[in-house]
Each structure stands twice: as C-alpha cells, then as structure tokens.
Amino acid sequence: MAQGEACAICRERFGQTPRIDHDHETDEVRGLLCHRCNVALGLLRDDRRVIEAAAHYLGVDLWEPGEPEDAEIVELPERDEVA
C-alpha cells in the first residue's frame, strides 16, 4: 500500500499513529486513516448511501467531468425531503 505518510481520505500527514481501515464484511484492508476520518466513517456506518447523502447535504457534486461513464450515480432526495 503506497499512500505515503498521509491519511487516505483527508490527505493530512499523520500526527498520531494511523488507523488501519478495513472492510467489515471482507476484512480486506483499504488503507490508513487519521483518527478523525476513521471515526467519521464509523459514524456514517461505512454506508456509501449515507456518505453520498452527507455530501449532497453539504452541496458537494460527487461526480466530476471525466469520471467513468459506468459509474453508478444515485439519485438523492432534495435536502428538505430528508427525514
């Protein structure tokens, strides 16, 4: 795993011991994370749908021009429709 001395998500250099992130279903190691990003993934239940909804809530476009054409784009409800 060649990600250098930085978190795989936020790219900040590690100030503390990095956390080893893994897929809880397969136990496959995904990368090294800082404490904050590791906790954030846990709080978002490692659920892509929840993570995408959080990005949508923040007004972030998840797909940039040039993304793979076969990328799955999930339609999300408008902010005021989310319970």
PDB file of N, CA and C in Angstrom:
ATOM      1  N   MET A   1       0.853  -1.160   0.000  1.00  0.00           N
ATOM      2  CA  MET A   1       0.000   0.000   0.000  1.00  0.00           C
ATOM      3  C   MET A   1       0.902   1.227   0.000  1.00  0.00           C
ATOM      4  N   ALA A   2       0.857   1.980  -1.076  1.00  0.00           N
ATOM      5  CA  ALA A   2       1.723   3.138  -1.213  1.00  0.00           C
ATOM      6  C   ALA A   2       0.914   4.421  -1.123  1.00  0.00           C
ATOM      7  N   GLN A   3       0.619   4.855   0.094  1.00  0.00           N
ATOM      8  CA  GLN A   3      -0.132   6.094   0.245  1.00  0.00           C
ATOM      9  C   GLN A   3       0.692   7.148   0.954  1.00  0.00           C
ATOM     10  N   GLY A   4       1.938   6.830   1.270  1.00  0.00           N
ATOM     11  CA  GLY A   4       2.805   7.801   1.915  1.00  0.00           C
ATOM     12  C   GLY A   4       2.489   7.961   3.390  1.00  0.00           C
ATOM     13  N   GLU A   5       2.775   9.125   3.903  1.00  0.00           N
ATOM     14  CA  GLU A   5       2.628   9.402   5.334  1.00  0.00           C
ATOM     15  C   GLU A   5       1.358  10.195   5.623  1.00  0.00           C
ATOM     16  N   ALA A   6       0.327  10.038   4.778  1.00  0.00           N
ATOM     17  CA  ALA A   6      -0.877  10.845   4.926  1.00  0.00           C
ATOM     18  C   ALA A   6      -2.133   9.978   4.898  1.00  0.00           C
ATOM     19  N   CYS A   7      -3.194  10.503   5.493  1.00  0.00           N
ATOM     20  CA  CYS A   7      -4.494   9.838   5.529  1.00  0.00           C
ATOM     21  C   CYS A   7      -5.028   9.636   4.116  1.00  0.00           C
ATOM     22  N   ALA A   8      -5.590   8.471   3.855  1.00  0.00           N
ATOM     23  CA  ALA A   8      -6.126   8.139   2.531  1.00  0.00           C
ATOM     24  C   ALA A   8      -7.347   8.986   2.169  1.00  0.00           C
ATOM     25  N   ILE A   9      -8.006   9.605   3.145  1.00  0.00           N
ATOM     26  CA  ILE A   9      -9.185  10.411   2.862  1.00  0.00           C
ATOM     27  C   ILE A   9      -8.849  11.905   2.832  1.00  0.00           C
ATOM     28  N   CYS A  10      -8.370  12.453   3.932  1.00  0.00           N
ATOM     29  CA  CYS A  10      -8.158  13.909   4.003  1.00  0.00           C
ATOM     30  C   CYS A  10      -6.772  14.337   3.525  1.00  0.00           C
ATOM     31  N   ARG A  11      -5.869  13.401   3.356  1.00  0.00           N
ATOM     32  CA  ARG A  11      -4.507  13.632   2.862  1.00  0.00           C
ATOM     33  C   ARG A  11      -3.633  14.418   3.833  1.00  0.00           C
ATOM     34  N   GLU A  12      -4.080  14.633   5.081  1.00  0.00           N
ATOM     35  CA  GLU A  12      -3.241  15.285   6.081  1.00  0.00           C
ATOM     36  C   GLU A  12      -2.200  14.297   6.581  1.00  0.00           C
ATOM     37  N   ARG A  13      -1.010  14.819   6.859  1.00  0.00           N
ATOM     38  CA  ARG A  13       0.051  13.968   7.393  1.00  0.00           C
ATOM     39  C   ARG A  13      -0.353  13.465   8.774  1.00  0.00           C
ATOM     40  N   PHE A  14       0.054  12.244   9.089  1.00  0.00           N
ATOM     41  CA  PHE A  14      -0.308  11.644  10.369  1.00  0.00           C
ATOM     42  C   PHE A  14       0.407  12.351  11.509  1.00  0.00           C
ATOM     43  N   GLY A  15      -0.364  12.788  12.506  1.00  0.00           N
ATOM     44  CA  GLY A  15       0.198  13.370  13.713  1.00  0.00           C
ATOM     45  C   GLY A  15       0.243  12.330  14.823  1.00  0.00           C
ATOM     46  N   GLN A  16      -0.621  11.346  14.714  1.00  0.00           N
ATOM     47  CA  GLN A  16      -0.690  10.231  15.660  1.00  0.00           C
ATOM     48  C   GLN A  16      -0.523   8.941  14.866  1.00  0.00           C
ATOM     49  N   THR A  17      -0.563   7.843  15.565  1.00  0.00           N
ATOM     50  CA  THR A  17      -0.489   6.550  14.895  1.00  0.00           C
ATOM     51  C   THR A  17      -1.688   6.391  13.967  1.00  0.00           C
ATOM     52  N   PRO A  18      -1.445   6.075  12.688  1.00  0.00           N
ATOM     53  CA  PRO A  18      -2.571   5.906  11.761  1.00  0.00           C
ATOM     54  C   PRO A  18      -3.433   4.703  12.136  1.00  0.00           C
ATOM     55  N   ARG A  19      -4.686   4.776  11.754  1.00  0.00           N
ATOM     56  CA  ARG A  19      -5.623   3.675  11.967  1.00  0.00           C
ATOM     57  C   ARG A  19      -5.676   2.838  10.696  1.00  0.00           C
ATOM     58  N   ILE A  20      -5.688   1.542  10.857  1.00  0.00           N
ATOM     59  CA  ILE A  20      -5.798   0.644   9.705  1.00  0.00           C
ATOM     60  C   ILE A  20      -7.276   0.456   9.418  1.00  0.00           C
ATOM     61  N   ASP A  21      -7.720   0.931   8.247  1.00  0.00           N
ATOM     62  CA  ASP A  21      -9.121   0.823   7.871  1.00  0.00           C
ATOM     63  C   ASP A  21      -9.329  -0.465   7.085  1.00  0.00           C
ATOM     64  N   HIS A  22     -10.423  -1.152   7.374  1.00  0.00           N
ATOM     65  CA  HIS A  22     -10.728  -2.391   6.660  1.00  0.00           C
ATOM     66  C   HIS A  22     -12.217  -2.497   6.400  1.00  0.00           C
ATOM     67  N   ASP A  23     -12.555  -3.291   5.403  1.00  0.00           N
ATOM     68  CA  ASP A  23     -13.946  -3.595   5.073  1.00  0.00           C
ATOM     69  C   ASP A  23     -14.446  -4.573   6.125  1.00  0.00           C
ATOM     70  N   HIS A  24     -15.518  -4.214   6.805  1.00  0.00           N
ATOM     71  CA  HIS A  24     -16.008  -5.061   7.900  1.00  0.00           C
ATOM     72  C   HIS A  24     -16.681  -6.343   7.421  1.00  0.00           C
ATOM     73  N   GLU A  25     -17.008  -6.424   6.148  1.00  0.00           N
ATOM     74  CA  GLU A  25     -17.602  -7.651   5.615  1.00  0.00           C
ATOM     75  C   GLU A  25     -16.528  -8.626   5.128  1.00  0.00           C
ATOM     76  N   THR A  26     -15.472  -8.105   4.483  1.00  0.00           N
ATOM     77  CA  THR A  26     -14.451  -8.977   3.890  1.00  0.00           C
ATOM     78  C   THR A  26     -13.156  -9.002   4.684  1.00  0.00           C
ATOM     79  N   ASP A  27     -13.000  -8.077   5.636  1.00  0.00           N
ATOM     80  CA  ASP A  27     -11.765  -7.882   6.403  1.00  0.00           C
ATOM     81  C   ASP A  27     -10.596  -7.413   5.543  1.00  0.00           C
ATOM     82  N   GLU A  28     -10.846  -7.040   4.286  1.00  0.00           N
ATOM     83  CA  GLU A  28      -9.795  -6.549   3.409  1.00  0.00           C
ATOM     84  C   GLU A  28      -9.371  -5.139   3.843  1.00  0.00           C
ATOM     85  N   VAL A  29      -8.057  -4.946   3.991  1.00  0.00           N
ATOM     86  CA  VAL A  29      -7.523  -3.638   4.366  1.00  0.00           C
ATOM     87  C   VAL A  29      -7.709  -2.678   3.201  1.00  0.00           C
ATOM     88  N   ARG A  30      -8.260  -1.474   3.506  1.00  0.00           N
ATOM     89  CA  ARG A  30      -8.492  -0.465   2.475  1.00  0.00           C
ATOM     90  C   ARG A  30      -7.422   0.606   2.480  1.00  0.00           C
ATOM     91  N   GLY A  31      -6.843   0.897   3.628  1.00  0.00           N
ATOM     92  CA  GLY A  31      -5.819   1.930   3.696  1.00  0.00           C
ATOM     93  C   GLY A  31      -5.606   2.400   5.119  1.00  0.00           C
ATOM     94  N   LEU A  32      -4.790   3.441   5.253  1.00  0.00           N
ATOM     95  CA  LEU A  32      -4.507   4.030   6.553  1.00  0.00           C
ATOM     96  C   LEU A  32      -5.232   5.359   6.660  1.00  0.00           C
ATOM     97  N   LEU A  33      -5.873   5.575   7.824  1.00  0.00           N
ATOM     98  CA  LEU A  33      -6.641   6.780   8.048  1.00  0.00           C
ATOM     99  C   LEU A  33      -6.179   7.481   9.312  1.00  0.00           C
ATOM    100  N   CYS A  34      -6.403   8.804   9.356  1.00  0.00           N
ATOM    101  CA  CYS A  34      -6.198   9.522  10.604  1.00  0.00           C
ATOM    102  C   CYS A  34      -7.370   9.185  11.525  1.00  0.00           C
ATOM    103  N   HIS A  35      -7.229   9.519  12.780  1.00  0.00           N
ATOM    104  CA  HIS A  35      -8.270   9.203  13.759  1.00  0.00           C
ATOM    105  C   HIS A  35      -9.613   9.819  13.364  1.00  0.00           C
ATOM    106  N   ARG A  36      -9.615  11.104  12.972  1.00  0.00           N
ATOM    107  CA  ARG A  36     -10.878  11.787  12.637  1.00  0.00           C
ATOM    108  C   ARG A  36     -11.595  11.122  11.469  1.00  0.00           C
ATOM    109  N   CYS A  37     -10.873  10.793  10.404  1.00  0.00           N
ATOM    110  CA  CYS A  37     -11.524  10.178   9.239  1.00  0.00           C
ATOM    111  C   CYS A  37     -12.006   8.773   9.565  1.00  0.00           C
ATOM    112  N   ASN A  38     -11.269   8.049  10.377  1.00  0.00           N
ATOM    113  CA  ASN A  38     -11.688   6.717  10.780  1.00  0.00           C
ATOM    114  C   ASN A  38     -12.988   6.790  11.589  1.00  0.00           C
ATOM    115  N   VAL A  39     -13.059   7.722  12.520  1.00  0.00           N
ATOM    116  CA  VAL A  39     -14.273   7.901  13.321  1.00  0.00           C
ATOM    117  C   VAL A  39     -15.427   8.341  12.425  1.00  0.00           C
ATOM    118  N   ALA A  40     -15.159   9.259  11.485  1.00  0.00           N
ATOM    119  CA  ALA A  40     -16.201   9.747  10.587  1.00  0.00           C
ATOM    120  C   ALA A  40     -16.815   8.598   9.787  1.00  0.00           C
ATOM    121  N   LEU A  41     -15.979   7.717   9.244  1.00  0.00           N
ATOM    122  CA  LEU A  41     -16.519   6.571   8.501  1.00  0.00           C
ATOM    123  C   LEU A  41     -17.397   5.707   9.396  1.00  0.00           C
ATOM    124  N   GLY A  42     -16.972   5.503  10.617  1.00  0.00           N
ATOM    125  CA  GLY A  42     -17.763   4.714  11.556  1.00  0.00           C
ATOM    126  C   GLY A  42     -19.094   5.372  11.871  1.00  0.00           C
ATOM    127  N   LEU A  43     -19.075   6.694  12.097  1.00  0.00           N
ATOM    128  CA  LEU A  43     -20.312   7.411  12.396  1.00  0.00           C
ATOM    129  C   LEU A  43     -21.265   7.411  11.204  1.00  0.00           C
ATOM    130  N   LEU A  44     -20.707   7.335   9.984  1.00  0.00           N
ATOM    131  CA  LEU A  44     -21.532   7.253   8.775  1.00  0.00           C
ATOM    132  C   LEU A  44     -21.817   5.802   8.397  1.00  0.00           C
ATOM    133  N   ARG A  45     -21.522   4.887   9.329  1.00  0.00           N
ATOM    134  CA  ARG A  45     -21.832   3.453   9.224  1.00  0.00           C
ATOM    135  C   ARG A  45     -21.166   2.761   8.034  1.00  0.00           C
ATOM    136  N   ASP A  46     -20.062   3.333   7.521  1.00  0.00           N
ATOM    137  CA  ASP A  46     -19.389   2.750   6.345  1.00  0.00           C
ATOM    138  C   ASP A  46     -20.381   2.494   5.220  1.00  0.00           C
ATOM    139  N   ASP A  47     -21.418   3.311   5.148  1.00  0.00           N
ATOM    140  CA  ASP A  47     -22.511   3.109   4.207  1.00  0.00           C
ATOM    141  C   ASP A  47     -22.422   4.162   3.097  1.00  0.00           C
ATOM    142  N   ARG A  48     -22.162   3.701   1.884  1.00  0.00           N
ATOM    143  CA  ARG A  48     -21.986   4.624   0.761  1.00  0.00           C
ATOM    144  C   ARG A  48     -23.197   5.534   0.589  1.00  0.00           C
ATOM    145  N   ARG A  49     -24.372   5.011   0.774  1.00  0.00           N
ATOM    146  CA  ARG A  49     -25.597   5.811   0.616  1.00  0.00           C
ATOM    147  C   ARG A  49     -25.618   6.959   1.624  1.00  0.00           C
ATOM    148  N   VAL A  50     -25.252   6.682   2.864  1.00  0.00           N
ATOM    149  CA  VAL A  50     -25.233   7.716   3.901  1.00  0.00           C
ATOM    150  C   VAL A  50     -24.135   8.737   3.602  1.00  0.00           C
ATOM    151  N   ILE A  51     -22.983   8.267   3.157  1.00  0.00           N
ATOM    152  CA  ILE A  51     -21.875   9.168   2.821  1.00  0.00           C
ATOM    153  C   ILE A  51     -22.262  10.069   1.646  1.00  0.00           C
ATOM    154  N   GLU A  52     -22.911   9.502   0.624  1.00  0.00           N
ATOM    155  CA  GLU A  52     -23.367  10.300  -0.514  1.00  0.00           C
ATOM    156  C   GLU A  52     -24.427  11.305  -0.086  1.00  0.00           C
ATOM    157  N   ALA A  53     -25.322  10.900   0.813  1.00  0.00           N
ATOM    158  CA  ALA A  53     -26.351  11.817   1.302  1.00  0.00           C
ATOM    159  C   ALA A  53     -25.711  12.965   2.082  1.00  0.00           C
ATOM    160  N   ALA A  54     -24.676  12.676   2.854  1.00  0.00           N
ATOM    161  CA  ALA A  54     -23.964  13.728   3.596  1.00  0.00           C
ATOM    162  C   ALA A  54     -23.290  14.702   2.626  1.00  0.00           C
ATOM    163  N   ALA A  55     -22.678  14.180   1.576  1.00  0.00           N
ATOM    164  CA  ALA A  55     -22.049  15.043   0.575  1.00  0.00           C
ATOM    165  C   ALA A  55     -23.109  15.907  -0.108  1.00  0.00           C
ATOM    166  N   HIS A  56     -24.238  15.306  -0.444  1.00  0.00           N
ATOM    167  CA  HIS A  56     -25.344  16.045  -1.065  1.00  0.00           C
ATOM    168  C   HIS A  56     -25.826  17.156  -0.128  1.00  0.00           C
ATOM    169  N   TYR A  57     -25.969  16.844   1.142  1.00  0.00           N
ATOM    170  CA  TYR A  57     -26.398  17.816   2.138  1.00  0.00           C
ATOM    171  C   TYR A  57     -25.450  19.019   2.178  1.00  0.00           C
ATOM    172  N   LEU A  58     -24.152  18.756   2.022  1.00  0.00           N
ATOM    173  CA  LEU A  58     -23.151  19.818   2.034  1.00  0.00           C
ATOM    174  C   LEU A  58     -23.050  20.538   0.698  1.00  0.00           C
ATOM    175  N   GLY A  59     -23.795  20.066  -0.298  1.00  0.00           N
ATOM    176  CA  GLY A  59     -23.771  20.705  -1.603  1.00  0.00           C
ATOM    177  C   GLY A  59     -22.587  20.313  -2.459  1.00  0.00           C
ATOM    178  N   VAL A  60     -22.039  19.123  -2.215  1.00  0.00           N
ATOM    179  CA  VAL A  60     -20.868  18.648  -2.947  1.00  0.00           C
ATOM    180  C   VAL A  60     -21.310  17.814  -4.139  1.00  0.00           C
ATOM    181  N   ASP A  61     -20.771  18.137  -5.337  1.00  0.00           N
ATOM    182  CA  ASP A  61     -21.003  17.300  -6.510  1.00  0.00           C
ATOM    183  C   ASP A  61     -20.036  16.131  -6.437  1.00  0.00           C
ATOM    184  N   LEU A  62     -20.577  14.914  -6.407  1.00  0.00           N
ATOM    185  CA  LEU A  62     -19.725  13.737  -6.260  1.00  0.00           C
ATOM    186  C   LEU A  62     -19.028  13.331  -7.546  1.00  0.00           C
ATOM    187  N   TRP A  63     -19.595  13.674  -8.688  1.00  0.00           N
ATOM    188  CA  TRP A  63     -19.014  13.237  -9.947  1.00  0.00           C
ATOM    189  C   TRP A  63     -18.517  14.432 -10.739  1.00  0.00           C
ATOM    190  N   GLU A  64     -17.253  14.429 -11.045  1.00  0.00           N
ATOM    191  CA  GLU A  64     -16.603  15.482 -11.825  1.00  0.00           C
ATOM    192  C   GLU A  64     -16.585  15.060 -13.287  1.00  0.00           C
ATOM    193  N   PRO A  65     -16.469  16.004 -14.195  1.00  0.00           N
ATOM    194  CA  PRO A  65     -16.312  15.625 -15.600  1.00  0.00           C
ATOM    195  C   PRO A  65     -15.113  14.689 -15.753  1.00  0.00           C
ATOM    196  N   GLY A  66     -15.266  13.668 -16.566  1.00  0.00           N
ATOM    197  CA  GLY A  66     -14.180  12.711 -16.767  1.00  0.00           C
ATOM    198  C   GLY A  66     -14.289  11.470 -15.905  1.00  0.00           C
ATOM    199  N   GLU A  67     -15.284  11.428 -15.025  1.00  0.00           N
ATOM    200  CA  GLU A  67     -15.479  10.215 -14.230  1.00  0.00           C
ATOM    201  C   GLU A  67     -15.889   9.082 -15.160  1.00  0.00           C
ATOM    202  N   PRO A  68     -15.675   7.864 -14.756  1.00  0.00           N
ATOM    203  CA  PRO A  68     -16.057   6.740 -15.619  1.00  0.00           C
ATOM    204  C   PRO A  68     -17.532   6.792 -15.981  1.00  0.00           C
ATOM    205  N   GLU A  69     -17.829   6.511 -17.244  1.00  0.00           N
ATOM    206  CA  GLU A  69     -19.217   6.577 -17.700  1.00  0.00           C
ATOM    207  C   GLU A  69     -20.092   5.514 -17.050  1.00  0.00           C
ATOM    208  N   ASP A  70     -19.482   4.428 -16.574  1.00  0.00           N
ATOM    209  CA  ASP A  70     -20.283   3.377 -15.959  1.00  0.00           C
ATOM    210  C   ASP A  70     -20.422   3.574 -14.448  1.00  0.00           C
ATOM    211  N   ALA A  71     -19.960   4.724 -13.943  1.00  0.00           N
ATOM    212  CA  ALA A  71     -20.087   4.991 -12.514  1.00  0.00           C
ATOM    213  C   ALA A  71     -21.561   5.084 -12.151  1.00  0.00           C
ATOM    214  N   GLU A  72     -21.910   4.456 -11.043  1.00  0.00           N
ATOM    215  CA  GLU A  72     -23.301   4.477 -10.601  1.00  0.00           C
ATOM    216  C   GLU A  72     -23.592   5.800  -9.911  1.00  0.00           C
ATOM    217  N   ILE A  73     -24.537   6.546 -10.424  1.00  0.00           N
ATOM    218  CA  ILE A  73     -24.932   7.805  -9.819  1.00  0.00           C
ATOM    219  C   ILE A  73     -26.282   7.588  -9.162  1.00  0.00           C
ATOM    220  N   VAL A  74     -26.334   7.816  -7.876  1.00  0.00           N
ATOM    221  CA  VAL A  74     -27.539   7.568  -7.105  1.00  0.00           C
ATOM    222  C   VAL A  74     -28.325   8.865  -6.998  1.00  0.00           C
ATOM    223  N   GLU A  75     -29.610   8.811  -7.343  1.00  0.00           N
ATOM    224  CA  GLU A  75     -30.472   9.970  -7.183  1.00  0.00           C
ATOM    225  C   GLU A  75     -30.789  10.133  -5.705  1.00  0.00           C
ATOM    226  N   LEU A  76     -30.553  11.316  -5.177  1.00  0.00           N
ATOM    227  CA  LEU A  76     -30.811  11.573  -3.776  1.00  0.00           C
ATOM    228  C   LEU A  76     -31.971  12.556  -3.647  1.00  0.00           C
ATOM    229  N   PRO A  77     -32.723  12.471  -2.546  1.00  0.00           N
ATOM    230  CA  PRO A  77     -33.823  13.402  -2.357  1.00  0.00           C
ATOM    231  C   PRO A  77     -33.288  14.810  -2.108  1.00  0.00           C
ATOM    232  N   GLU A  78     -34.129  15.807  -2.343  1.00  0.00           N
ATOM    233  CA  GLU A  78     -33.751  17.181  -2.028  1.00  0.00           C
ATOM    234  C   GLU A  78     -33.562  17.294  -0.521  1.00  0.00           C
ATOM    235  N   ARG A  79     -32.771  18.268  -0.092  1.00  0.00           N
ATOM    236  CA  ARG A  79     -32.469  18.441   1.331  1.00  0.00           C
ATOM    237  C   ARG A  79     -33.720  18.459   2.208  1.00  0.00           C
ATOM    238  N   ASP A  80     -34.752  19.183   1.801  1.00  0.00           N
ATOM    239  CA  ASP A  80     -35.943  19.314   2.641  1.00  0.00           C
ATOM    240  C   ASP A  80     -36.815  18.055   2.637  1.00  0.00           C
ATOM    241  N   GLU A  81     -36.485  17.076   1.783  1.00  0.00           N
ATOM    242  CA  GLU A  81     -37.228  15.821   1.763  1.00  0.00           C
ATOM    243  C   GLU A  81     -36.606  14.767   2.667  1.00  0.00           C
ATOM    244  N   VAL A  82     -35.396  15.020   3.183  1.00  0.00           N
ATOM    245  CA  VAL A  82     -34.695  14.057   4.020  1.00  0.00           C
ATOM    246  C   VAL A  82     -35.246  14.148   5.430  1.00  0.00           C
ATOM    247  N   ALA A  83     -35.640  12.988   5.964  1.00  0.00           N
ATOM    248  CA  ALA A  83     -36.218  12.978   7.317  1.00  0.00           C
ATOM    249  C   ALA A  83     -35.137  13.031   8.362  1.00  0.00           C
TER     250      ALA A  83
END
